Amino acid sequence: MSLDRATVIRIANLAKIHIDDSEIDIFTRELSQILNWVEQLNEVDVKNVKPMTGVSGMSLREREDEVLDGGYADKIVKNSKEKKKNSFSVPKVIE
């Protein structure tokens, strides 16, 4: 499918996009190429292809929702400049 200048100007107007006169020919060529590509997609035989409702037919594995502390708080705060017990100590920022 090939577009003409008037159609590209109308599309730009409907999309509220300002294009200069020097850009009209560029957009005419590019939009025509995009529409040609879409026409090529219409040639693909998809009669035996099931519609895809998701990328995976698998269900997610579930696990018990348990609260764990990780057991290694001392390793987490090891490289901290200041710490109190197993917590980070930061300067006060609100007076």
N, C-alpha and C. Protein backbone atom coordinates (compact mmCIF):
# COMPACT_ATOMS: atom_id res chain seq x y z
N MET A 1 0.85 -1.17 0.00
CA MET A 1 0.00 0.00 0.00
C MET A 1 0.90 1.24 0.00
N SER A 2 0.56 2.16 -0.82
CA SER A 2 1.37 3.37 -0.93
C SER A 2 0.53 4.58 -0.49
N LEU A 3 1.13 5.40 0.33
CA LEU A 3 0.45 6.60 0.80
C LEU A 3 0.88 7.80 -0.03
N ASP A 4 0.01 8.78 -0.11
CA ASP A 4 0.38 10.03 -0.77
C ASP A 4 0.62 11.11 0.27
N ARG A 5 1.12 12.24 -0.17
CA ARG A 5 1.46 13.34 0.74
C ARG A 5 0.24 13.83 1.53
N ALA A 6 -0.90 13.91 0.86
CA ALA A 6 -2.11 14.41 1.51
C ALA A 6 -2.53 13.50 2.67
N THR A 7 -2.38 12.20 2.48
CA THR A 7 -2.74 11.24 3.53
C THR A 7 -1.80 11.37 4.72
N VAL A 8 -0.51 11.54 4.45
CA VAL A 8 0.46 11.69 5.53
C VAL A 8 0.20 12.98 6.30
N ILE A 9 -0.13 14.04 5.62
CA ILE A 9 -0.45 15.30 6.28
C ILE A 9 -1.68 15.13 7.15
N ARG A 10 -2.67 14.39 6.66
CA ARG A 10 -3.90 14.16 7.44
C ARG A 10 -3.61 13.30 8.67
N ILE A 11 -2.78 12.27 8.50
CA ILE A 11 -2.42 11.41 9.63
C ILE A 11 -1.70 12.23 10.70
N ALA A 12 -0.76 13.08 10.28
CA ALA A 12 -0.03 13.93 11.22
C ALA A 12 -0.98 14.88 11.94
N ASN A 13 -1.94 15.41 11.20
CA ASN A 13 -2.92 16.32 11.80
C ASN A 13 -3.79 15.60 12.83
N LEU A 14 -4.24 14.40 12.49
CA LEU A 14 -5.06 13.62 13.42
C LEU A 14 -4.27 13.21 14.66
N ALA A 15 -2.97 12.96 14.49
CA ALA A 15 -2.12 12.56 15.61
C ALA A 15 -1.58 13.76 16.37
N LYS A 16 -1.93 14.95 15.90
CA LYS A 16 -1.46 16.19 16.53
C LYS A 16 0.06 16.26 16.54
N ILE A 17 0.67 15.85 15.42
CA ILE A 17 2.11 15.88 15.25
C ILE A 17 2.45 16.93 14.20
N HIS A 18 3.35 17.83 14.53
CA HIS A 18 3.77 18.84 13.58
C HIS A 18 4.95 18.29 12.77
N ILE A 19 4.80 18.26 11.47
CA ILE A 19 5.92 17.87 10.61
C ILE A 19 6.15 18.97 9.59
N ASP A 20 7.41 19.22 9.32
CA ASP A 20 7.78 20.23 8.34
C ASP A 20 7.54 19.71 6.93
N ASP A 21 7.46 20.63 5.98
CA ASP A 21 7.27 20.24 4.58
C ASP A 21 8.40 19.36 4.09
N SER A 22 9.60 19.59 4.61
CA SER A 22 10.75 18.79 4.17
C SER A 22 10.67 17.35 4.69
N GLU A 23 9.89 17.11 5.74
CA GLU A 23 9.78 15.78 6.31
C GLU A 23 8.65 14.95 5.72
N ILE A 24 7.76 15.58 5.00
CA ILE A 24 6.58 14.87 4.49
C ILE A 24 6.97 13.71 3.59
N ASP A 25 7.92 13.93 2.68
CA ASP A 25 8.33 12.86 1.77
C ASP A 25 8.98 11.70 2.53
N ILE A 26 9.75 12.03 3.57
CA ILE A 26 10.40 10.98 4.37
C ILE A 26 9.34 10.13 5.07
N PHE A 27 8.37 10.79 5.71
CA PHE A 27 7.31 10.06 6.40
C PHE A 27 6.42 9.29 5.43
N THR A 28 6.21 9.83 4.25
CA THR A 28 5.40 9.13 3.24
C THR A 28 6.07 7.81 2.88
N ARG A 29 7.38 7.85 2.66
CA ARG A 29 8.13 6.65 2.32
C ARG A 29 8.13 5.65 3.48
N GLU A 30 8.39 6.14 4.71
CA GLU A 30 8.48 5.24 5.86
C GLU A 30 7.14 4.61 6.21
N LEU A 31 6.07 5.40 6.20
CA LEU A 31 4.75 4.84 6.51
C LEU A 31 4.31 3.84 5.43
N SER A 32 4.65 4.10 4.19
CA SER A 32 4.33 3.16 3.11
C SER A 32 5.06 1.84 3.32
N GLN A 33 6.33 1.90 3.75
CA GLN A 33 7.09 0.68 4.01
C GLN A 33 6.48 -0.10 5.17
N ILE A 34 6.03 0.60 6.20
CA ILE A 34 5.40 -0.08 7.35
C ILE A 34 4.12 -0.78 6.91
N LEU A 35 3.31 -0.10 6.12
CA LEU A 35 2.05 -0.71 5.66
C LEU A 35 2.32 -1.88 4.73
N ASN A 36 3.37 -1.82 3.92
CA ASN A 36 3.74 -2.96 3.07
C ASN A 36 4.14 -4.15 3.92
N TRP A 37 4.85 -3.90 5.02
CA TRP A 37 5.24 -4.98 5.92
C TRP A 37 4.01 -5.62 6.56
N VAL A 38 3.03 -4.81 6.95
CA VAL A 38 1.79 -5.33 7.54
C VAL A 38 1.04 -6.17 6.52
N GLU A 39 1.04 -5.75 5.26
CA GLU A 39 0.40 -6.54 4.21
C GLU A 39 1.09 -7.89 4.05
N GLN A 40 2.41 -7.92 4.21
CA GLN A 40 3.14 -9.20 4.13
C GLN A 40 2.71 -10.12 5.27
N LEU A 41 2.45 -9.57 6.44
CA LEU A 41 2.00 -10.39 7.56
C LEU A 41 0.65 -11.03 7.28
N ASN A 42 -0.19 -10.35 6.52
CA ASN A 42 -1.50 -10.90 6.19
C ASN A 42 -1.41 -12.12 5.29
N GLU A 43 -0.27 -12.32 4.65
CA GLU A 43 -0.08 -13.47 3.76
C GLU A 43 0.27 -14.75 4.52
N VAL A 44 0.60 -14.63 5.79
CA VAL A 44 1.00 -15.79 6.59
C VAL A 44 -0.24 -16.64 6.89
N ASP A 45 -0.10 -17.96 6.67
CA ASP A 45 -1.20 -18.89 6.92
C ASP A 45 -1.25 -19.21 8.42
N VAL A 46 -2.32 -18.78 9.08
CA VAL A 46 -2.47 -19.00 10.52
C VAL A 46 -3.73 -19.80 10.84
N LYS A 47 -4.23 -20.56 9.88
CA LYS A 47 -5.47 -21.30 10.07
C LYS A 47 -5.36 -22.33 11.19
N ASN A 48 -4.24 -23.02 11.30
CA ASN A 48 -4.09 -24.08 12.30
C ASN A 48 -3.36 -23.62 13.55
N VAL A 49 -3.24 -22.33 13.75
CA VAL A 49 -2.55 -21.80 14.93
C VAL A 49 -3.60 -21.38 15.95
N LYS A 50 -3.47 -21.93 17.16
CA LYS A 50 -4.41 -21.59 18.22
C LYS A 50 -4.12 -20.18 18.72
N PRO A 51 -5.16 -19.43 19.05
CA PRO A 51 -4.93 -18.10 19.63
C PRO A 51 -4.16 -18.22 20.94
N MET A 52 -3.22 -17.32 21.15
CA MET A 52 -2.39 -17.37 22.35
C MET A 52 -2.97 -16.42 23.40
N THR A 53 -3.30 -16.98 24.55
CA THR A 53 -3.81 -16.14 25.63
C THR A 53 -2.74 -15.83 26.66
N GLY A 54 -1.61 -16.48 26.55
CA GLY A 54 -0.50 -16.24 27.46
C GLY A 54 0.75 -16.88 26.90
N VAL A 55 1.90 -16.54 27.47
CA VAL A 55 3.14 -17.08 26.94
C VAL A 55 3.47 -18.46 27.50
N SER A 56 2.73 -18.86 28.51
CA SER A 56 3.01 -20.16 29.10
C SER A 56 1.72 -20.79 29.59
N GLY A 57 1.57 -22.06 29.32
CA GLY A 57 0.40 -22.78 29.79
C GLY A 57 0.61 -23.37 31.18
N MET A 58 1.75 -23.06 31.78
CA MET A 58 2.07 -23.63 33.07
C MET A 58 1.55 -22.74 34.20
N SER A 59 1.24 -23.38 35.30
CA SER A 59 0.86 -22.61 36.48
C SER A 59 2.09 -22.44 37.37
N LEU A 60 2.10 -21.39 38.14
CA LEU A 60 3.24 -21.11 39.00
C LEU A 60 3.26 -22.05 40.20
N ARG A 61 4.45 -22.42 40.61
CA ARG A 61 4.59 -23.24 41.81
C ARG A 61 4.30 -22.38 43.02
N GLU A 62 3.66 -22.95 43.99
CA GLU A 62 3.33 -22.21 45.20
C GLU A 62 4.10 -22.80 46.37
N ARG A 63 4.42 -21.96 47.33
CA ARG A 63 5.09 -22.41 48.54
C ARG A 63 4.41 -21.77 49.73
N GLU A 64 4.69 -22.29 50.89
CA GLU A 64 4.15 -21.72 52.11
C GLU A 64 4.71 -20.32 52.32
N ASP A 65 3.88 -19.43 52.78
CA ASP A 65 4.30 -18.07 53.06
C ASP A 65 4.84 -18.00 54.48
N GLU A 66 6.17 -18.09 54.60
CA GLU A 66 6.82 -18.09 55.91
C GLU A 66 7.67 -16.84 56.04
N VAL A 67 7.69 -16.27 57.23
CA VAL A 67 8.55 -15.12 57.52
C VAL A 67 9.88 -15.66 58.01
N LEU A 68 10.93 -15.34 57.28
CA LEU A 68 12.27 -15.77 57.65
C LEU A 68 13.17 -14.55 57.77
N ASP A 69 14.08 -14.57 58.73
CA ASP A 69 14.99 -13.43 58.88
C ASP A 69 16.25 -13.61 58.05
N GLY A 70 16.42 -14.73 57.44
CA GLY A 70 17.60 -14.99 56.62
C GLY A 70 18.73 -15.60 57.41
N GLY A 71 18.85 -15.20 58.69
CA GLY A 71 19.86 -15.81 59.54
C GLY A 71 21.27 -15.26 59.36
N TYR A 72 21.46 -14.22 58.61
CA TYR A 72 22.82 -13.70 58.43
C TYR A 72 22.84 -12.17 58.46
N ALA A 73 22.16 -11.58 59.43
CA ALA A 73 22.14 -10.12 59.58
C ALA A 73 23.54 -9.58 59.82
N ASP A 74 24.38 -10.34 60.56
CA ASP A 74 25.74 -9.87 60.84
C ASP A 74 26.56 -9.74 59.56
N LYS A 75 26.34 -10.60 58.57
CA LYS A 75 27.04 -10.49 57.30
C LYS A 75 26.56 -9.26 56.51
N ILE A 76 25.29 -8.93 56.65
CA ILE A 76 24.72 -7.80 55.90
C ILE A 76 25.30 -6.49 56.39
N VAL A 77 25.42 -6.32 57.69
CA VAL A 77 25.90 -5.04 58.24
C VAL A 77 27.42 -5.04 58.45
N LYS A 78 28.11 -6.07 58.03
CA LYS A 78 29.55 -6.21 58.25
C LYS A 78 30.33 -5.02 57.69
N ASN A 79 30.01 -4.54 56.49
CA ASN A 79 30.76 -3.46 55.85
C ASN A 79 30.21 -2.07 56.16
N SER A 80 29.27 -1.97 57.06
CA SER A 80 28.69 -0.68 57.41
C SER A 80 29.69 0.13 58.23
N LYS A 81 29.73 1.46 58.00
CA LYS A 81 30.62 2.32 58.77
C LYS A 81 30.19 2.36 60.23
N GLU A 82 28.90 2.52 60.44
CA GLU A 82 28.37 2.56 61.80
C GLU A 82 27.22 1.58 61.93
N LYS A 83 27.23 0.84 63.00
CA LYS A 83 26.14 -0.11 63.23
C LYS A 83 25.86 -0.21 64.71
N LYS A 84 24.63 -0.51 65.02
CA LYS A 84 24.22 -0.76 66.39
C LYS A 84 23.57 -2.13 66.41
N LYS A 85 24.19 -3.03 67.13
CA LYS A 85 23.80 -4.44 67.15
C LYS A 85 23.84 -4.95 65.71
N ASN A 86 22.74 -5.43 65.15
CA ASN A 86 22.73 -5.89 63.76
C ASN A 86 21.88 -4.98 62.89
N SER A 87 22.01 -3.67 63.12
CA SER A 87 21.25 -2.69 62.34
C SER A 87 22.18 -1.60 61.83
N PHE A 88 21.81 -0.98 60.72
CA PHE A 88 22.57 0.14 60.20
C PHE A 88 22.29 1.37 61.04
N SER A 89 23.32 2.17 61.26
CA SER A 89 23.17 3.43 61.95
C SER A 89 23.46 4.55 60.94
N VAL A 90 22.49 5.45 60.76
CA VAL A 90 22.65 6.52 59.78
C VAL A 90 22.49 7.86 60.47
N PRO A 91 23.09 8.93 59.90
CA PRO A 91 22.95 10.25 60.52
C PRO A 91 21.51 10.73 60.50
N LYS A 92 21.16 11.50 61.48
CA LYS A 92 19.83 12.08 61.58
C LYS A 92 19.67 13.12 60.48
N VAL A 93 18.58 13.09 59.73
CA VAL A 93 18.38 14.05 58.64
C VAL A 93 17.22 14.98 58.91
N ILE A 94 16.39 14.71 59.88
CA ILE A 94 15.25 15.55 60.19
C ILE A 94 15.45 16.15 61.58
N GLU A 95 15.33 17.45 61.66
CA GLU A 95 15.52 18.14 62.95
C GLU A 95 14.20 18.22 63.67
